[in-house]
């Protein structure tokens, strides 16, 4: 056991000594200033998020014509609304925002 004690360098106990290097922790200095928010970036993000619902509704006037032209209903006009509903509901069901 004396070998273990002898192998510890004598300067390693200096970490246990209390020094005054950290006496200013927690004090507010006069030269500390608050970091301003990046308003230009925040406004651009808010505008993009605000216009997203508008762009998501652009498909509504054209969806019925799209269904008819693709031919997935095989000429049955009664199925047009069914397939239009499936296509219109698909983006919100798969979006990341809805699942969080």
Protein backbone atom coordinates (compact mmCIF):
# COMPACT_ATOMS: atom_id res chain seq x y z
CA UNK A 1 0.00 0.00 0.00
CA UNK A 2 2.88 2.34 0.63
CA UNK A 3 3.84 1.94 -3.04
CA UNK A 4 0.48 3.41 -4.10
CA UNK A 5 0.86 6.41 -1.81
CA UNK A 6 4.43 6.92 -2.97
CA UNK A 7 3.40 6.84 -6.64
CA UNK A 8 1.05 9.83 -6.26
CA UNK A 9 2.89 13.00 -7.26
CA UNK A 10 3.15 15.58 -4.55
CA UNK A 11 1.56 18.31 -6.68
CA UNK A 12 -1.67 16.35 -7.25
CA UNK A 13 -3.16 17.62 -3.99
CA UNK A 14 -3.14 21.15 -5.38
CA UNK A 15 -6.62 20.50 -6.83
CA UNK A 16 -7.93 20.19 -3.30
CA UNK A 17 -6.65 23.61 -2.32
CA UNK A 18 -9.24 26.32 -2.52
CA UNK A 19 -8.05 29.26 -4.51
CA UNK A 20 -9.81 32.49 -5.32
CA UNK A 21 -9.81 32.07 -9.09
CA UNK A 22 -13.55 31.31 -9.22
CA UNK A 23 -14.78 33.94 -6.80
CA UNK A 24 -16.51 35.92 -9.58
CA UNK A 25 -18.74 33.05 -10.69
CA UNK A 26 -22.39 34.07 -10.67
CA UNK A 27 -21.75 37.79 -10.55
CA UNK A 28 -23.11 39.99 -13.31
CA UNK A 29 -20.51 42.16 -14.93
CA UNK A 30 -21.28 45.56 -16.38
CA UNK A 31 -19.66 44.64 -19.69
CA UNK A 32 -21.93 41.57 -20.16
CA UNK A 33 -24.66 42.32 -22.69
CA UNK A 34 -27.63 40.26 -23.75
CA UNK A 35 -27.40 38.64 -27.14
CA UNK A 36 -30.13 40.04 -29.39
CA UNK A 37 -32.51 37.69 -31.16
CA UNK A 38 -31.89 37.24 -34.90
CA UNK A 39 -35.11 39.05 -35.86
CA UNK A 40 -34.59 38.88 -39.63
CA UNK A 41 -34.21 35.11 -39.54
CA UNK A 42 -37.15 34.67 -37.16
CA UNK A 43 -39.44 36.83 -39.29
CA UNK A 44 -38.52 34.87 -42.42
CA UNK A 45 -39.26 31.56 -40.66
CA UNK A 46 -42.59 32.87 -39.39
CA UNK A 47 -43.56 34.07 -42.86
CA UNK A 48 -42.71 30.71 -44.40
CA UNK A 49 -44.74 28.89 -41.76
CA UNK A 50 -47.63 31.29 -42.27
CA UNK A 51 -47.78 30.74 -46.02
CA UNK A 52 -47.54 26.96 -45.81
CA UNK A 53 -51.29 26.42 -45.24
CA UNK A 54 -52.05 28.63 -48.24
CA UNK A 55 -49.79 26.62 -50.51
CA UNK A 56 -51.25 23.37 -49.21
CA UNK A 57 -54.76 24.41 -50.32
CA UNK A 58 -53.77 25.32 -53.90
CA UNK A 59 -54.41 21.72 -54.98
CA UNK A 60 -58.16 21.82 -54.24
CA UNK A 61 -59.37 23.48 -57.48
CA UNK A 62 -57.35 21.10 -59.64
CA UNK A 63 -57.64 17.74 -57.89
CA UNK A 64 -60.84 16.56 -59.61
CA UNK A 65 -59.45 17.24 -63.08
CA UNK A 66 -56.22 15.48 -62.10
CA UNK A 67 -58.15 12.38 -60.99
CA UNK A 68 -60.16 12.29 -64.23
CA UNK A 69 -57.10 12.76 -66.46
CA UNK A 70 -55.04 10.05 -64.78
CA UNK A 71 -57.78 7.50 -65.45
CA UNK A 72 -57.63 5.76 -62.09
CA UNK A 73 -61.45 5.79 -61.88
CA UNK A 74 -61.82 4.05 -65.28
CA UNK A 75 -64.44 6.63 -66.31
CA UNK A 76 -66.57 6.20 -63.18
CA UNK A 77 -67.27 9.78 -62.05
CA UNK A 78 -68.64 8.57 -58.71
CA UNK A 79 -65.15 7.44 -57.65
CA UNK A 80 -63.57 10.82 -58.39
CA UNK A 81 -64.43 12.23 -54.96
CA UNK A 82 -63.14 9.11 -53.22
CA UNK A 83 -59.72 9.28 -54.85
CA UNK A 84 -59.58 13.06 -54.45
CA UNK A 85 -60.15 12.63 -50.71
CA UNK A 86 -57.34 10.10 -50.47
CA UNK A 87 -54.89 12.41 -52.26
CA UNK A 88 -55.91 15.51 -50.31
CA UNK A 89 -55.62 13.79 -46.91
CA UNK A 90 -52.28 12.14 -47.63
CA UNK A 91 -49.86 15.09 -46.95
CA UNK A 92 -51.16 15.91 -43.41
CA UNK A 93 -51.07 12.23 -42.47
CA UNK A 94 -47.41 11.92 -43.42
CA UNK A 95 -46.11 15.29 -42.24
CA UNK A 96 -43.64 15.37 -39.38
CA UNK A 97 -45.43 18.25 -37.65
CA UNK A 98 -48.62 16.23 -37.20
CA UNK A 99 -46.82 13.34 -35.52
CA UNK A 100 -44.93 15.39 -32.94
